[in-house]
Amino acid sequence: MLFAKPLLAAFALGSMVALPAHAELDVASLKQSIETSFESEYPKLDALYKDIHAHPEIAFQEEKTAAKLAAEMRAIGF
């Protein structure tokens, strides 16, 4: 879980973007939501991380890596 804290921070920021500008934060609920999201997504992210690092590519020639990451981004709506 080396990347757990950065991933939790990313989920927290992503969750806050969806909130209205003047909404009061229910910190306990937000924390639970982030933890639930993190726990459900971590296995997939960990597998992707391990796959990318098991198949390194030459710097600035990362065609397969770029394709994998682009597919993941499209799958989540980007």
Protein backbone atom coordinates (compact mmCIF):
# COMPACT_ATOMS: atom_id res chain seq x y z
CA MET A 1 0.00 0.00 0.00
CA LEU A 2 2.85 2.33 -0.86
CA PHE A 3 0.52 4.55 -2.87
CA ALA A 4 -2.42 4.48 -0.47
CA LYS A 5 -2.02 8.03 0.88
CA PRO A 6 -1.62 9.71 -2.53
CA LEU A 7 -4.61 7.76 -3.86
CA LEU A 8 -6.74 8.72 -0.85
CA ALA A 9 -5.77 12.37 -1.40
CA ALA A 10 -6.75 12.12 -5.07
CA PHE A 11 -10.11 10.59 -4.17
CA ALA A 12 -10.68 13.32 -1.58
CA LEU A 13 -9.98 16.08 -4.08
CA GLY A 14 -12.14 14.41 -6.69
CA SER A 15 -14.99 14.05 -4.24
CA MET A 16 -14.80 17.71 -3.24
CA VAL A 17 -15.03 18.91 -6.85
CA ALA A 18 -18.55 17.52 -7.09
CA LEU A 19 -19.74 19.50 -4.07
CA PRO A 20 -21.56 22.82 -4.44
CA ALA A 21 -19.42 25.84 -3.58
CA HIS A 22 -21.27 26.70 -0.35
CA ALA A 23 -22.10 23.23 0.88
CA GLU A 24 -21.11 22.25 4.36
CA LEU A 25 -18.85 19.23 4.46
CA ASP A 26 -19.92 16.17 6.36
CA VAL A 27 -16.35 15.09 6.99
CA ALA A 28 -17.20 11.71 8.50
CA SER A 29 -19.45 10.83 5.56
CA LEU A 30 -16.92 12.11 3.04
CA LYS A 31 -14.14 10.11 4.71
CA GLN A 32 -16.26 6.94 4.64
CA SER A 33 -17.12 7.53 0.98
CA ILE A 34 -13.44 7.98 0.08
CA GLU A 35 -12.40 4.87 2.00
CA THR A 36 -15.14 2.79 0.36
CA SER A 37 -14.18 4.04 -3.09
CA PHE A 38 -10.50 3.44 -2.41
CA GLU A 39 -11.07 -0.10 -1.13
CA SER A 40 -13.14 -1.03 -4.17
CA GLU A 41 -10.72 0.51 -6.72
CA TYR A 42 -7.37 -0.37 -5.14
CA PRO A 43 -7.09 -3.99 -6.40
CA LYS A 44 -7.63 -2.87 -10.01
CA LEU A 45 -5.18 0.05 -9.67
CA ASP A 46 -2.60 -2.20 -8.01
CA ALA A 47 -2.90 -4.76 -10.83
CA LEU A 48 -2.49 -2.01 -13.43
CA TYR A 49 0.57 -0.66 -11.60
CA LYS A 50 2.16 -4.12 -11.40
CA ASP A 51 1.39 -4.86 -15.06
CA ILE A 52 2.95 -1.60 -16.26
CA HIS A 53 6.06 -2.17 -14.17
CA ALA A 54 6.34 -5.82 -15.23
CA HIS A 55 6.48 -4.70 -18.89
CA PRO A 56 8.69 -1.60 -19.02
CA GLU A 57 9.10 0.37 -22.23
CA ILE A 58 11.86 2.70 -23.40
CA ALA A 59 11.42 6.29 -22.22
CA PHE A 60 9.35 8.46 -24.58
CA GLN A 61 8.34 5.32 -26.51
CA GLU A 62 5.70 4.03 -24.10
CA GLU A 63 3.09 3.03 -26.67
CA LYS A 64 1.57 0.06 -24.82
CA THR A 65 1.62 1.88 -21.49
CA ALA A 66 -0.05 4.93 -23.04
CA ALA A 67 -2.70 2.73 -24.65
CA LYS A 68 -3.46 0.99 -21.33
CA LEU A 69 -3.73 4.26 -19.44
CA ALA A 70 -5.85 5.87 -22.18
CA ALA A 71 -8.24 2.90 -22.07
CA GLU A 72 -8.52 3.19 -18.29
CA MET A 73 -9.19 6.93 -18.49
CA ARG A 74 -11.88 6.42 -21.16
CA ALA A 75 -13.49 3.73 -19.00
CA ILE A 76 -13.96 6.21 -16.15
CA GLY A 77 -15.31 8.96 -18.36
CA PHE A 78 -12.38 11.04 -19.57
